[in-house]
Amino acid sequence: MFENSSVFVMDILGNLVTFIAPLWIAVIFGVVVGWAWKPKWAIEPNNYSWSTNLFKFRIPWFNYSELQNQPGLEYSATSSSGESEKGLRSIVTEHDLQNLCKLVEEKDGGPAWIQMMDRSTPNMTYQAWRRDQENGPPQYRSRTVFEDASPELVRDFFWDDEFRSRWDDMLIHASTIQECEVTGTMMVQWVRKFPFFCSDREYIIGRRIWDAERTYYCVTKGVPCSSIPRQSKPRRVVLYYSSSFIRAV
């Protein structure tokens, strides 16, 4: 009885190994291929418009004609504190602001959006869309309405890296490389944690906020940085774009 049971168990284990082994081989092969292969838009990101990158919107839409008439909106700096700040001011410009407006108004010439989610709670409403580009990565758009939250609270919640490290478990390092005292443009370094079979990811981000009477236009995107060379680990993400529009409703 005992010997028959042992043989039966061994047969089951043998069948399981025979069945599972090809699956593990396929998984490992997929991870290796996904790690080594890059599409053309990832290898040559400068050949593609920033409007094709990932972006997010929080709080409702606005019209670019309204933006132009905002008296409190600063469009350009009038002074400089040195060559380094001149270069820093040029990494996030009014062109990025206009690009954000076109994306929000859905006038960027891209394909139609497909809704993915529409959920709400007593304190929050969330909607999400996506679309696929012919020559670029997928794009995502979201709209979130928070109850009983000021625009400044929402702005600081997502902009404050020190506080972000308390609630964003994937963020393992954040530091400011440079900041422009005139425009508030910042260059920051992020390192984000990825699963054990992937290297962590490094981001060199240029970001800026335009303030128009408690309405905030926030642009962040990947930028080059010669002072911090690329390394094999963590792997640097070159193609990155995330922007938001925040106001009271």
C-alpha atoms as a PDB file:
ATOM      1  CA  MET A   1       0.000   0.000   0.000  1.00  0.00           C
ATOM      2  CA  PHE A   2       2.761   2.421   0.923  1.00  0.00           C
ATOM      3  CA  GLU A   3       4.863   1.531  -2.121  1.00  0.00           C
ATOM      4  CA  ASN A   4       1.917   1.987  -4.498  1.00  0.00           C
ATOM      5  CA  SER A   5       1.136   5.383  -2.974  1.00  0.00           C
ATOM      6  CA  SER A   6       4.746   6.488  -3.404  1.00  0.00           C
ATOM      7  CA  VAL A   7       4.761   5.472  -7.046  1.00  0.00           C
ATOM      8  CA  PHE A   8       1.463   7.271  -7.592  1.00  0.00           C
ATOM      9  CA  VAL A   9       2.794  10.474  -5.993  1.00  0.00           C
ATOM     10  CA  MET A  10       5.969  10.311  -8.075  1.00  0.00           C
ATOM     11  CA  ASP A  11       3.890   9.921 -11.233  1.00  0.00           C
ATOM     12  CA  ILE A  12       1.890  13.028 -10.323  1.00  0.00           C
ATOM     13  CA  LEU A  13       5.043  15.046  -9.622  1.00  0.00           C
ATOM     14  CA  GLY A  14       6.546  13.915 -12.901  1.00  0.00           C
ATOM     15  CA  ASN A  15       3.456  14.988 -14.815  1.00  0.00           C
ATOM     16  CA  LEU A  16       3.424  18.358 -13.044  1.00  0.00           C
ATOM     17  CA  VAL A  17       7.072  18.991 -13.878  1.00  0.00           C
ATOM     18  CA  THR A  18       6.435  18.038 -17.502  1.00  0.00           C
ATOM     19  CA  PHE A  19       3.502  20.447 -17.634  1.00  0.00           C
ATOM     20  CA  ILE A  20       5.040  23.370 -15.714  1.00  0.00           C
ATOM     21  CA  ALA A  21       8.535  23.345 -17.247  1.00  0.00           C
ATOM     22  CA  PRO A  22       7.434  24.683 -20.679  1.00  0.00           C
ATOM     23  CA  LEU A  23       5.445  27.427 -18.960  1.00  0.00           C
ATOM     24  CA  TRP A  24       8.472  28.580 -16.976  1.00  0.00           C
ATOM     25  CA  ILE A  25      10.620  28.479 -20.110  1.00  0.00           C
ATOM     26  CA  ALA A  26       8.056  30.664 -21.899  1.00  0.00           C
ATOM     27  CA  VAL A  27       7.927  33.116 -18.970  1.00  0.00           C
ATOM     28  CA  ILE A  28      11.714  33.407 -18.774  1.00  0.00           C
ATOM     29  CA  PHE A  29      11.946  33.835 -22.543  1.00  0.00           C
ATOM     30  CA  GLY A  30       9.298  36.574 -22.445  1.00  0.00           C
ATOM     31  CA  VAL A  31      11.108  38.432 -19.662  1.00  0.00           C
ATOM     32  CA  VAL A  32      14.443  38.252 -21.512  1.00  0.00           C
ATOM     33  CA  VAL A  33      12.926  39.413 -24.809  1.00  0.00           C
ATOM     34  CA  GLY A  34      10.963  42.194 -23.115  1.00  0.00           C
ATOM     35  CA  TRP A  35      14.096  43.322 -21.310  1.00  0.00           C
ATOM     36  CA  ALA A  36      16.375  43.324 -24.355  1.00  0.00           C
ATOM     37  CA  TRP A  37      14.011  44.485 -27.100  1.00  0.00           C
ATOM     38  CA  LYS A  38      12.999  48.106 -27.552  1.00  0.00           C
ATOM     39  CA  PRO A  39      10.636  49.527 -30.163  1.00  0.00           C
ATOM     40  CA  LYS A  40      11.899  52.269 -32.429  1.00  0.00           C
ATOM     41  CA  TRP A  41      10.115  55.023 -30.494  1.00  0.00           C
ATOM     42  CA  ALA A  42      11.971  53.993 -27.321  1.00  0.00           C
ATOM     43  CA  ILE A  43      15.378  53.788 -29.020  1.00  0.00           C
ATOM     44  CA  GLU A  44      14.997  57.145 -30.780  1.00  0.00           C
ATOM     45  CA  PRO A  45      12.698  59.199 -28.533  1.00  0.00           C
ATOM     46  CA  ASN A  46      13.858  62.513 -30.009  1.00  0.00           C
ATOM     47  CA  ASN A  47      12.246  61.591 -33.330  1.00  0.00           C
ATOM     48  CA  TYR A  48       8.793  61.666 -31.766  1.00  0.00           C
ATOM     49  CA  SER A  49       6.705  64.525 -30.465  1.00  0.00           C
ATOM     50  CA  TRP A  50       6.255  64.809 -26.724  1.00  0.00           C
ATOM     51  CA  SER A  51       2.521  64.859 -27.372  1.00  0.00           C
ATOM     52  CA  THR A  52       2.691  61.098 -27.973  1.00  0.00           C
ATOM     53  CA  ASN A  53       3.819  60.285 -24.479  1.00  0.00           C
ATOM     54  CA  LEU A  54       2.059  59.175 -21.357  1.00  0.00           C
ATOM     55  CA  PHE A  55       0.136  61.904 -19.574  1.00  0.00           C
ATOM     56  CA  LYS A  56      -2.413  62.362 -16.811  1.00  0.00           C
ATOM     57  CA  PHE A  57      -5.007  65.003 -16.065  1.00  0.00           C
ATOM     58  CA  ARG A  58      -6.543  65.682 -12.693  1.00  0.00           C
ATOM     59  CA  ILE A  59      -9.634  67.836 -12.266  1.00  0.00           C
ATOM     60  CA  PRO A  60     -11.687  69.094 -15.241  1.00  0.00           C
ATOM     61  CA  TRP A  61     -10.952  70.414 -18.731  1.00  0.00           C
ATOM     62  CA  PHE A  62     -10.099  73.981 -19.714  1.00  0.00           C
ATOM     63  CA  ASN A  63      -9.982  76.003 -22.917  1.00  0.00           C
ATOM     64  CA  TYR A  64      -6.716  77.360 -24.284  1.00  0.00           C
ATOM     65  CA  SER A  65      -8.350  80.691 -25.179  1.00  0.00           C
ATOM     66  CA  GLU A  66      -9.212  81.067 -21.485  1.00  0.00           C
ATOM     67  CA  LEU A  67      -5.618  80.281 -20.599  1.00  0.00           C
ATOM     68  CA  GLN A  68      -4.315  83.058 -22.844  1.00  0.00           C
ATOM     69  CA  ASN A  69      -6.534  85.589 -21.066  1.00  0.00           C
ATOM     70  CA  GLN A  70      -5.464  84.650 -17.547  1.00  0.00           C
ATOM     71  CA  PRO A  71      -3.898  87.815 -16.040  1.00  0.00           C
ATOM     72  CA  GLY A  72      -1.970  85.912 -13.404  1.00  0.00           C
ATOM     73  CA  LEU A  73      -0.291  83.462 -15.770  1.00  0.00           C
ATOM     74  CA  GLU A  74       3.429  83.954 -16.240  1.00  0.00           C
ATOM     75  CA  TYR A  75       4.451  83.055 -19.788  1.00  0.00           C
ATOM     76  CA  SER A  76       8.144  83.863 -19.787  1.00  0.00           C
ATOM     77  CA  ALA A  77      10.933  84.902 -17.467  1.00  0.00           C
ATOM     78  CA  THR A  78      12.397  88.391 -17.681  1.00  0.00           C
ATOM     79  CA  SER A  79      15.743  87.885 -15.968  1.00  0.00           C
ATOM     80  CA  SER A  80      18.463  85.317 -15.519  1.00  0.00           C
ATOM     81  CA  SER A  81      20.839  84.394 -12.726  1.00  0.00           C
ATOM     82  CA  GLY A  82      23.410  82.649 -14.939  1.00  0.00           C
ATOM     83  CA  GLU A  83      24.012  80.326 -17.846  1.00  0.00           C
ATOM     84  CA  SER A  84      22.937  77.272 -15.853  1.00  0.00           C
ATOM     85  CA  GLU A  85      19.530  78.799 -15.125  1.00  0.00           C
ATOM     86  CA  LYS A  86      19.133  79.768 -18.784  1.00  0.00           C
ATOM     87  CA  GLY A  87      19.593  76.138 -19.728  1.00  0.00           C
ATOM     88  CA  LEU A  88      17.283  74.999 -16.950  1.00  0.00           C
ATOM     89  CA  ARG A  89      14.512  77.361 -18.036  1.00  0.00           C
ATOM     90  CA  SER A  90      14.657  75.934 -21.553  1.00  0.00           C
ATOM     91  CA  ILE A  91      13.888  72.334 -20.577  1.00  0.00           C
ATOM     92  CA  VAL A  92      10.209  73.072 -19.783  1.00  0.00           C
ATOM     93  CA  THR A  93       8.810  75.986 -21.775  1.00  0.00           C
ATOM     94  CA  GLU A  94       5.583  77.606 -22.928  1.00  0.00           C
ATOM     95  CA  HIS A  95       5.619  75.161 -25.832  1.00  0.00           C
ATOM     96  CA  ASP A  96       5.034  72.375 -23.305  1.00  0.00           C
ATOM     97  CA  LEU A  97       2.208  74.400 -21.792  1.00  0.00           C
ATOM     98  CA  GLN A  98       0.553  74.832 -25.193  1.00  0.00           C
ATOM     99  CA  ASN A  99       1.012  71.138 -25.885  1.00  0.00           C
ATOM    100  CA  LEU A 100      -0.789  70.346 -22.632  1.00  0.00           C
ATOM    101  CA  CYS A 101      -3.677  72.581 -23.692  1.00  0.00           C
ATOM    102  CA  LYS A 102      -4.037  70.763 -27.009  1.00  0.00           C
ATOM    103  CA  LEU A 103      -4.039  67.395 -25.297  1.00  0.00           C
ATOM    104  CA  VAL A 104      -6.721  68.471 -22.835  1.00  0.00           C
ATOM    105  CA  GLU A 105      -8.898  69.922 -25.600  1.00  0.00           C
ATOM    106  CA  GLU A 106      -8.303  66.772 -27.698  1.00  0.00           C
ATOM    107  CA  LYS A 107      -6.989  68.931 -30.546  1.00  0.00           C
ATOM    108  CA  ASP A 108      -3.575  67.336 -30.890  1.00  0.00           C
ATOM    109  CA  GLY A 109      -4.581  65.323 -33.956  1.00  0.00           C
ATOM    110  CA  GLY A 110      -4.297  61.952 -32.232  1.00  0.00           C
ATOM    111  CA  PRO A 111      -6.699  59.002 -32.418  1.00  0.00           C
ATOM    112  CA  ALA A 112      -9.949  58.843 -30.469  1.00  0.00           C
ATOM    113  CA  TRP A 113      -9.910  58.003 -26.765  1.00  0.00           C
ATOM    114  CA  ILE A 114     -11.357  54.744 -25.431  1.00  0.00           C
ATOM    115  CA  GLN A 115     -12.831  54.886 -21.941  1.00  0.00           C
ATOM    116  CA  MET A 116     -11.406  52.308 -19.544  1.00  0.00           C
ATOM    117  CA  MET A 117     -12.925  53.209 -16.189  1.00  0.00           C
ATOM    118  CA  ASP A 118     -15.615  55.328 -14.547  1.00  0.00           C
ATOM    119  CA  ARG A 119     -15.797  54.933 -10.766  1.00  0.00           C
ATOM    120  CA  SER A 120     -16.919  57.103  -7.890  1.00  0.00           C
ATOM    121  CA  THR A 121     -17.037  57.130  -4.103  1.00  0.00           C
ATOM    122  CA  PRO A 122     -18.625  59.656  -1.736  1.00  0.00           C
ATOM    123  CA  ASN A 123     -15.337  61.624  -1.741  1.00  0.00           C
ATOM    124  CA  MET A 124     -13.910  61.067  -5.209  1.00  0.00           C
ATOM    125  CA  THR A 125     -14.789  60.530  -8.876  1.00  0.00           C
ATOM    126  CA  TYR A 126     -12.323  58.907 -11.266  1.00  0.00           C
ATOM    127  CA  GLN A 127     -12.439  58.401 -15.035  1.00  0.00           C
ATOM    128  CA  ALA A 128      -9.729  56.976 -17.288  1.00  0.00           C
ATOM    129  CA  TRP A 129      -9.135  56.661 -21.038  1.00  0.00           C
ATOM    130  CA  ARG A 130      -6.451  55.222 -23.288  1.00  0.00           C
ATOM    131  CA  ARG A 131      -5.473  55.263 -26.954  1.00  0.00           C
ATOM    132  CA  ASP A 132      -2.810  53.636 -29.122  1.00  0.00           C
ATOM    133  CA  GLN A 133      -0.407  55.551 -31.335  1.00  0.00           C
ATOM    134  CA  GLU A 134       0.835  54.290 -34.682  1.00  0.00           C
ATOM    135  CA  ASN A 135       4.401  55.412 -33.930  1.00  0.00           C
ATOM    136  CA  GLY A 136       4.627  55.623 -30.185  1.00  0.00           C
ATOM    137  CA  PRO A 137       3.664  54.154 -26.830  1.00  0.00           C
ATOM    138  CA  PRO A 138       0.066  53.969 -25.571  1.00  0.00           C
ATOM    139  CA  GLN A 139      -1.328  57.145 -24.042  1.00  0.00           C
ATOM    140  CA  TYR A 140      -3.461  57.376 -20.921  1.00  0.00           C
ATOM    141  CA  ARG A 141      -5.673  60.179 -19.680  1.00  0.00           C
ATOM    142  CA  SER A 142      -7.495  60.459 -16.369  1.00  0.00           C
ATOM    143  CA  ARG A 143      -9.872  62.895 -14.691  1.00  0.00           C
ATOM    144  CA  THR A 144     -10.211  62.939 -10.912  1.00  0.00           C
ATOM    145  CA  VAL A 145     -12.481  65.130  -8.799  1.00  0.00           C
ATOM    146  CA  PHE A 146     -11.675  65.245  -5.078  1.00  0.00           C
ATOM    147  CA  GLU A 147     -14.298  66.439  -2.607  1.00  0.00           C
ATOM    148  CA  ASP A 148     -13.246  68.836   0.163  1.00  0.00           C
ATOM    149  CA  ALA A 149      -9.726  69.336  -1.221  1.00  0.00           C
ATOM    150  CA  SER A 150      -8.209  72.662  -2.241  1.00  0.00           C
ATOM    151  CA  PRO A 151      -6.216  73.041  -5.486  1.00  0.00           C
ATOM    152  CA  GLU A 152      -3.105  73.744  -3.415  1.00  0.00           C
ATOM    153  CA  LEU A 153      -3.535  70.531  -1.438  1.00  0.00           C
ATOM    154  CA  VAL A 154      -3.847  68.451  -4.612  1.00  0.00           C
ATOM    155  CA  ARG A 155      -0.885  70.244  -6.200  1.00  0.00           C
ATOM    156  CA  ASP A 156       1.380  69.712  -3.198  1.00  0.00           C
ATOM    157  CA  PHE A 157       0.270  66.114  -2.722  1.00  0.00           C
ATOM    158  CA  PHE A 158       1.647  65.096  -6.123  1.00  0.00           C
ATOM    159  CA  TRP A 159       4.512  67.627  -6.321  1.00  0.00           C
ATOM    160  CA  ASP A 160       6.149  67.183  -2.908  1.00  0.00           C
ATOM    161  CA  ASP A 161       8.759  64.432  -3.350  1.00  0.00           C
ATOM    162  CA  GLU A 162       9.566  64.210   0.350  1.00  0.00           C
ATOM    163  CA  PHE A 163       5.924  63.583   1.184  1.00  0.00           C
ATOM    164  CA  ARG A 164       5.483  61.294  -1.838  1.00  0.00           C
ATOM    165  CA  SER A 165       8.051  58.903  -0.413  1.00  0.00           C
ATOM    166  CA  ARG A 166       5.671  58.299   2.514  1.00  0.00           C
ATOM    167  CA  TRP A 167       2.787  57.024   0.377  1.00  0.00           C
ATOM    168  CA  ASP A 168       4.441  55.915  -2.877  1.00  0.00           C
ATOM    169  CA  ASP A 169       6.156  52.614  -2.040  1.00  0.00           C
ATOM    170  CA  MET A 170       7.762  52.410  -5.483  1.00  0.00           C
ATOM    171  CA  LEU A 171       9.728  55.650  -5.002  1.00  0.00           C
ATOM    172  CA  ILE A 172      12.998  54.696  -3.310  1.00  0.00           C
ATOM    173  CA  HIS A 173      15.004  57.859  -4.100  1.00  0.00           C
ATOM    174  CA  ALA A 174      14.174  61.460  -5.003  1.00  0.00           C
ATOM    175  CA  SER A 175      16.541  64.423  -5.134  1.00  0.00           C
ATOM    176  CA  THR A 176      16.581  67.891  -6.676  1.00  0.00           C
ATOM    177  CA  ILE A 177      19.426  68.352  -9.152  1.00  0.00           C
ATOM    178  CA  GLN A 178      18.785  71.997  -9.978  1.00  0.00           C
ATOM    179  CA  GLU A 179      16.076  74.636  -9.532  1.00  0.00           C
ATOM    180  CA  CYS A 180      15.492  77.952 -11.305  1.00  0.00           C
ATOM    181  CA  GLU A 181      14.688  80.787  -8.905  1.00  0.00           C
ATOM    182  CA  VAL A 182      12.995  82.792 -11.667  1.00  0.00           C
ATOM    183  CA  THR A 183      10.488  80.323 -13.125  1.00  0.00           C
ATOM    184  CA  GLY A 184      10.494  77.590 -10.490  1.00  0.00           C
ATOM    185  CA  THR A 185      11.541  75.040 -13.114  1.00  0.00           C
ATOM    186  CA  MET A 186      13.140  72.015 -11.472  1.00  0.00           C
ATOM    187  CA  MET A 187      15.302  69.124 -12.582  1.00  0.00           C
ATOM    188  CA  VAL A 188      14.914  66.133 -10.276  1.00  0.00           C
ATOM    189  CA  GLN A 189      16.110  62.550 -10.117  1.00  0.00           C
ATOM    190  CA  TRP A 190      13.805  59.683  -9.238  1.00  0.00           C
ATOM    191  CA  VAL A 191      14.610  56.020  -8.728  1.00  0.00           C
ATOM    192  CA  ARG A 192      11.603  53.721  -8.663  1.00  0.00           C
ATOM    193  CA  LYS A 193      11.481  50.143  -7.452  1.00  0.00           C
ATOM    194  CA  PHE A 194      10.469  47.419  -9.894  1.00  0.00           C
ATOM    195  CA  PRO A 195       9.814  43.670  -9.400  1.00  0.00           C
ATOM    196  CA  PHE A 196      12.764  41.453  -8.480  1.00  0.00           C
ATOM    197  CA  PHE A 197      13.254  40.184 -12.043  1.00  0.00           C
ATOM    198  CA  CYS A 198      13.651  43.758 -13.383  1.00  0.00           C
ATOM    199  CA  SER A 199      16.165  46.471 -12.623  1.00  0.00           C
ATOM    200  CA  ASP A 200      14.982  49.568 -10.824  1.00  0.00           C
ATOM    201  CA  ARG A 201      14.198  52.549 -13.049  1.00  0.00           C
ATOM    202  CA  GLU A 202      15.829  55.977 -12.958  1.00  0.00           C
ATOM    203  CA  TYR A 203      14.076  59.136 -14.149  1.00  0.00           C
ATOM    204  CA  ILE A 204      15.658  62.534 -14.815  1.00  0.00           C
ATOM    205  CA  ILE A 205      12.637  64.820 -14.810  1.00  0.00           C
ATOM    206  CA  GLY A 206      12.180  68.454 -15.776  1.00  0.00           C
ATOM    207  CA  ARG A 207       9.061  70.026 -14.291  1.00  0.00           C
ATOM    208  CA  ARG A 208       7.351  73.366 -13.914  1.00  0.00           C
ATOM    209  CA  ILE A 209       4.082  74.794 -12.573  1.00  0.00           C
ATOM    210  CA  TRP A 210       2.223  77.741 -14.077  1.00  0.00           C
ATOM    211  CA  ASP A 211       0.042  79.500 -11.488  1.00  0.00           C
ATOM    212  CA  ALA A 212      -2.979  81.480 -12.727  1.00  0.00           C
ATOM    213  CA  GLU A 213      -5.033  82.620  -9.737  1.00  0.00           C
ATOM    214  CA  ARG A 214      -5.268  79.257  -7.951  1.00  0.00           C
ATOM    215  CA  THR A 215      -5.417  77.331 -11.212  1.00  0.00           C
ATOM    216  CA  TYR A 216      -2.305  75.226 -11.765  1.00  0.00           C
ATOM    217  CA  TYR A 217      -0.813  73.874 -14.973  1.00  0.00           C
ATOM    218  CA  CYS A 218       1.801  71.262 -14.085  1.00  0.00           C
ATOM    219  CA  VAL A 219       4.179  69.790 -16.666  1.00  0.00           C
ATOM    220  CA  THR A 220       6.729  67.039 -16.013  1.00  0.00           C
ATOM    221  CA  LYS A 221       8.790  65.207 -18.615  1.00  0.00           C
ATOM    222  CA  GLY A 222      12.014  63.293 -19.080  1.00  0.00           C
ATOM    223  CA  VAL A 223      15.021  65.500 -19.885  1.00  0.00           C
ATOM    224  CA  PRO A 224      18.733  64.895 -20.596  1.00  0.00           C
ATOM    225  CA  CYS A 225      21.276  65.506 -17.851  1.00  0.00           C
ATOM    226  CA  SER A 226      24.993  65.433 -18.672  1.00  0.00           C
ATOM    227  CA  SER A 227      26.037  65.769 -15.022  1.00  0.00           C
ATOM    228  CA  ILE A 228      24.503  62.377 -14.149  1.00  0.00           C
ATOM    229  CA  PRO A 229      25.702  59.722 -16.634  1.00  0.00           C
ATOM    230  CA  ARG A 230      23.502  56.761 -17.484  1.00  0.00           C
ATOM    231  CA  GLN A 231      24.254  53.466 -15.758  1.00  0.00           C
ATOM    232  CA  SER A 232      23.297  49.867 -16.345  1.00  0.00           C
ATOM    233  CA  LYS A 233      21.487  49.813 -12.990  1.00  0.00           C
ATOM    234  CA  PRO A 234      19.142  51.454 -12.357  1.00  0.00           C
ATOM    235  CA  ARG A 235      18.018  51.683 -15.971  1.00  0.00           C
ATOM    236  CA  ARG A 236      17.182  55.212 -17.071  1.00  0.00           C
ATOM    237  CA  VAL A 237      13.759  55.869 -18.597  1.00  0.00           C
ATOM    238  CA  VAL A 238      14.171  58.428 -21.380  1.00  0.00           C
ATOM    239  CA  LEU A 239      10.638  58.633 -22.737  1.00  0.00           C
ATOM    240  CA  TYR A 240       8.497  60.042 -19.926  1.00  0.00           C
ATOM    241  CA  TYR A 241       5.729  62.647 -19.865  1.00  0.00           C
ATOM    242  CA  SER A 242       3.077  63.399 -17.247  1.00  0.00           C
ATOM    243  CA  SER A 243       1.072  66.622 -16.995  1.00  0.00           C
ATOM    244  CA  SER A 244      -1.900  67.824 -14.989  1.00  0.00           C
ATOM    245  CA  PHE A 245      -4.377  70.685 -14.749  1.00  0.00           C
ATOM    246  CA  ILE A 246      -5.694  71.494 -11.280  1.00  0.00           C
ATOM    247  CA  ARG A 247      -8.434  73.911 -10.246  1.00  0.00           C
ATOM    248  CA  ALA A 248     -11.371  74.215  -7.890  1.00  0.00           C
ATOM    249  CA  VAL A 249     -14.791  73.062  -9.136  1.00  0.00           C
END
